C-alpha atoms as a PDB file:
ATOM      1  CA  MET A   1       0.000   0.000   0.000  1.00  0.00           C
ATOM      2  CA  SER A   2       1.430   3.393  -0.923  1.00  0.00           C
ATOM      3  CA  GLU A   3       1.564   6.125   1.645  1.00  0.00           C
ATOM      4  CA  LYS A   4      -0.086   9.368   0.552  1.00  0.00           C
ATOM      5  CA  LEU A   5       2.168  12.396   0.598  1.00  0.00           C
ATOM      6  CA  PRO A   6       0.940  15.371   2.569  1.00  0.00           C
ATOM      7  CA  GLU A   7      -0.783  17.805   0.221  1.00  0.00           C
ATOM      8  CA  SER A   8       2.172  20.178   0.482  1.00  0.00           C
ATOM      9  CA  GLN A   9       4.449  17.468  -0.969  1.00  0.00           C
ATOM     10  CA  ALA A  10       2.151  16.064  -3.679  1.00  0.00           C
ATOM     11  CA  LYS A  11       3.423  17.161  -7.076  1.00  0.00           C
ATOM     12  CA  LEU A  12       1.143  19.102  -9.341  1.00  0.00           C
ATOM     13  CA  THR A  13       1.774  18.465 -13.025  1.00  0.00           C
ATOM     14  CA  VAL A  14       0.346  20.860 -15.584  1.00  0.00           C
ATOM     15  CA  PHE A  15       0.223  20.012 -19.272  1.00  0.00           C
ATOM     16  CA  MET A  16      -0.031  23.263 -21.212  1.00  0.00           C
ATOM     17  CA  LEU A  17      -0.953  22.705 -24.847  1.00  0.00           C
ATOM     18  CA  VAL A  18       0.372  25.538 -27.009  1.00  0.00           C
ATOM     19  CA  LYS A  19       0.442  26.430 -30.680  1.00  0.00           C
ATOM     20  CA  THR A  20       3.140  28.531 -32.305  1.00  0.00           C
ATOM     21  CA  ASN A  21       1.999  31.742 -33.931  1.00  0.00           C
ATOM     22  CA  PRO A  22       3.360  33.058 -37.241  1.00  0.00           C
ATOM     23  CA  GLU A  23       5.476  35.723 -35.502  1.00  0.00           C
ATOM     24  CA  TRP A  24       7.447  33.026 -33.654  1.00  0.00           C
ATOM     25  CA  LEU A  25       8.003  30.956 -36.772  1.00  0.00           C
ATOM     26  CA  ALA A  26       9.138  34.019 -38.736  1.00  0.00           C
ATOM     27  CA  MET A  27      12.022  34.608 -36.301  1.00  0.00           C
ATOM     28  CA  PRO A  28      15.449  33.154 -36.967  1.00  0.00           C
ATOM     29  CA  VAL A  29      16.250  30.229 -34.667  1.00  0.00           C
ATOM     30  CA  ASP A  30      18.864  32.238 -32.756  1.00  0.00           C
ATOM     31  CA  GLN A  31      16.285  34.910 -31.980  1.00  0.00           C
ATOM     32  CA  ARG A  32      13.805  32.296 -30.738  1.00  0.00           C
ATOM     33  CA  PHE A  33      16.363  30.954 -28.291  1.00  0.00           C
ATOM     34  CA  SER A  34      17.175  34.514 -27.239  1.00  0.00           C
ATOM     35  CA  GLU A  35      13.504  35.165 -26.492  1.00  0.00           C
ATOM     36  CA  ILE A  36      13.293  31.977 -24.407  1.00  0.00           C
ATOM     37  CA  ALA A  37      16.404  33.038 -22.471  1.00  0.00           C
ATOM     38  CA  LYS A  38      14.997  36.530 -22.007  1.00  0.00           C
ATOM     39  CA  HIS A  39      11.498  35.605 -20.839  1.00  0.00           C
ATOM     40  CA  LEU A  40      11.209  31.976 -19.717  1.00  0.00           C
ATOM     41  CA  GLU A  41      14.546  31.268 -18.041  1.00  0.00           C
ATOM     42  CA  PRO A  42      14.390  34.227 -15.599  1.00  0.00           C
ATOM     43  CA  ALA A  43      10.859  33.298 -14.497  1.00  0.00           C
ATOM     44  CA  LEU A  44      11.964  29.731 -13.834  1.00  0.00           C
ATOM     45  CA  GLY A  45      15.039  31.022 -12.015  1.00  0.00           C
ATOM     46  CA  ARG A  46      12.847  33.043  -9.653  1.00  0.00           C
ATOM     47  CA  HIS A  47      10.720  29.967  -8.927  1.00  0.00           C
ATOM     48  CA  PRO A  48      13.155  27.039  -8.633  1.00  0.00           C
ATOM     49  CA  SER A  49      10.515  24.687  -7.226  1.00  0.00           C
ATOM     50  CA  VAL A  50       8.842  24.706 -10.668  1.00  0.00           C
ATOM     51  CA  GLU A  51      10.317  22.241 -13.153  1.00  0.00           C
ATOM     52  CA  PHE A  52       9.700  22.770 -16.857  1.00  0.00           C
ATOM     53  CA  ARG A  53       9.934  20.488 -19.900  1.00  0.00           C
ATOM     54  CA  TRP A  54       9.145  21.338 -23.522  1.00  0.00           C
ATOM     55  CA  TYR A  55       7.836  18.645 -25.870  1.00  0.00           C
ATOM     56  CA  ASP A  56       7.519  19.143 -29.619  1.00  0.00           C
ATOM     57  CA  THR A  57       4.250  17.700 -30.875  1.00  0.00           C
ATOM     58  CA  GLU A  58       3.837  19.334 -34.293  1.00  0.00           C
ATOM     59  CA  PHE A  59       5.023  16.117 -35.921  1.00  0.00           C
ATOM     60  CA  TYR A  60       1.855  14.308 -34.833  1.00  0.00           C
ATOM     61  CA  THR A  61      -0.939  16.843 -34.453  1.00  0.00           C
ATOM     62  CA  ALA A  62      -2.104  20.045 -36.111  1.00  0.00           C
ATOM     63  CA  ARG A  63      -4.073  21.340 -33.104  1.00  0.00           C
ATOM     64  CA  VAL A  64      -1.028  22.058 -30.934  1.00  0.00           C
ATOM     65  CA  THR A  65       2.646  22.344 -31.819  1.00  0.00           C
ATOM     66  CA  ASP A  66       4.161  21.963 -28.367  1.00  0.00           C
ATOM     67  CA  THR A  67       3.323  20.715 -24.901  1.00  0.00           C
ATOM     68  CA  TRP A  68       4.845  22.547 -21.977  1.00  0.00           C
ATOM     69  CA  VAL A  69       4.964  20.396 -18.855  1.00  0.00           C
ATOM     70  CA  TRP A  70       5.239  22.093 -15.485  1.00  0.00           C
ATOM     71  CA  GLU A  71       5.789  20.170 -12.258  1.00  0.00           C
ATOM     72  CA  THR A  72       5.931  21.474  -8.709  1.00  0.00           C
ATOM     73  CA  SER A  73       5.012  20.670  -5.143  1.00  0.00           C
ATOM     74  CA  SER A  74       3.913  24.318  -4.762  1.00  0.00           C
ATOM     75  CA  PRO A  75       0.911  25.206  -6.923  1.00  0.00           C
ATOM     76  CA  HIS A  76       1.311  28.836  -5.888  1.00  0.00           C
ATOM     77  CA  GLU A  77       4.825  28.936  -7.366  1.00  0.00           C
ATOM     78  CA  TYR A  78       3.435  27.589 -10.655  1.00  0.00           C
ATOM     79  CA  GLU A  79       0.778  30.312 -10.567  1.00  0.00           C
ATOM     80  CA  LEU A  80       3.482  32.945 -10.087  1.00  0.00           C
ATOM     81  CA  VAL A  81       5.433  31.652 -13.107  1.00  0.00           C
ATOM     82  CA  VAL A  82       2.283  31.799 -15.234  1.00  0.00           C
ATOM     83  CA  GLU A  83       1.547  35.338 -14.037  1.00  0.00           C
ATOM     84  CA  GLU A  84       5.060  36.346 -15.104  1.00  0.00           C
ATOM     85  CA  LEU A  85       4.730  34.645 -18.502  1.00  0.00           C
ATOM     86  CA  ARG A  86       1.444  36.405 -19.165  1.00  0.00           C
ATOM     87  CA  GLU A  87       3.390  39.670 -19.101  1.00  0.00           C
ATOM     88  CA  THR A  88       5.742  38.480 -21.866  1.00  0.00           C
ATOM     89  CA  PRO A  89       5.310  37.992 -25.616  1.00  0.00           C
ATOM     90  CA  LEU A  90       5.541  34.218 -25.090  1.00  0.00           C
ATOM     91  CA  TRP A  91       1.929  34.268 -23.883  1.00  0.00           C
ATOM     92  CA  ASP A  92      -0.637  34.798 -26.670  1.00  0.00           C
ATOM     93  CA  ARG A  93       1.772  36.593 -29.006  1.00  0.00           C
ATOM     94  CA  TYR A  94       4.439  34.038 -29.915  1.00  0.00           C
ATOM     95  CA  PHE A  95       2.296  31.126 -28.711  1.00  0.00           C
ATOM     96  CA  SER A  96      -1.430  30.601 -28.315  1.00  0.00           C
ATOM     97  CA  ILE A  97      -2.320  28.789 -25.129  1.00  0.00           C
ATOM     98  CA  VAL A  98      -4.777  26.168 -26.390  1.00  0.00           C
ATOM     99  CA  GLU A  99      -5.518  24.263 -23.197  1.00  0.00           C
ATOM    100  CA  ILE A 100      -4.208  23.841 -19.659  1.00  0.00           C
ATOM    101  CA  LEU A 101      -4.584  20.391 -18.072  1.00  0.00           C
ATOM    102  CA  PRO A 102      -3.540  20.138 -14.400  1.00  0.00           C
ATOM    103  CA  GLY A 103      -3.226  16.806 -12.636  1.00  0.00           C
ATOM    104  CA  VAL A 104      -1.683  14.991  -9.699  1.00  0.00           C
ATOM    105  CA  LEU A 105       0.178  11.770 -10.411  1.00  0.00           C
ATOM    106  CA  ASN A 106      -1.595   8.698  -9.033  1.00  0.00           C
ATOM    107  CA  ALA A 107      -4.103  10.686  -6.958  1.00  0.00           C
ATOM    108  CA  TYR A 108      -6.789   8.163  -7.938  1.00  0.00           C
ATOM    109  CA  ALA A 109      -4.900   5.523  -5.931  1.00  0.00           C
ATOM    110  CA  ASP A 110      -3.370   7.701  -3.217  1.00  0.00           C
ATOM    111  CA  ASN A 111      -6.749   9.125  -2.237  1.00  0.00           C
ATOM    112  CA  TYR A 112      -7.895   5.598  -1.377  1.00  0.00           C
ATOM    113  CA  GLY A 113      -4.627   4.409   0.162  1.00  0.00           C
ATOM    114  CA  ARG A 114      -4.026   2.042  -2.755  1.00  0.00           C
ATOM    115  CA  SER A 115      -0.999   1.246  -4.863  1.00  0.00           C
ATOM    116  CA  PRO A 116      -1.112   2.804  -8.328  1.00  0.00           C
ATOM    117  CA  VAL A 117      -1.362   0.637 -11.419  1.00  0.00           C
ATOM    118  CA  GLY A 118       1.866   0.246 -13.364  1.00  0.00           C
ATOM    119  CA  SER A 119       4.188   1.691 -10.750  1.00  0.00           C
END
């Protein structure tokens, strides 16, 4: 039987489905990386409890081009990162935020004191 983590330690994972906008794609690659360094990296640096991963999905779907995955044990820190990003061109200028899907890993089992399937 798995032991449920206290709520303050349970990791929140947020899958943010995004789609590149023409302005982003029109930039040279070096400029894109410069924009990421300018806007995303500082926000993550101010909130080190928030982990970030970027998945390319444009190879397999037309609805979204990328999935940004955020993970933290502090939902408030995630909220602060999002607030910062909303003040940058990454949010709704370079990328359209298509959908935000939050979840907690294995909560279906933890909430009943059960072991998760497949773990």
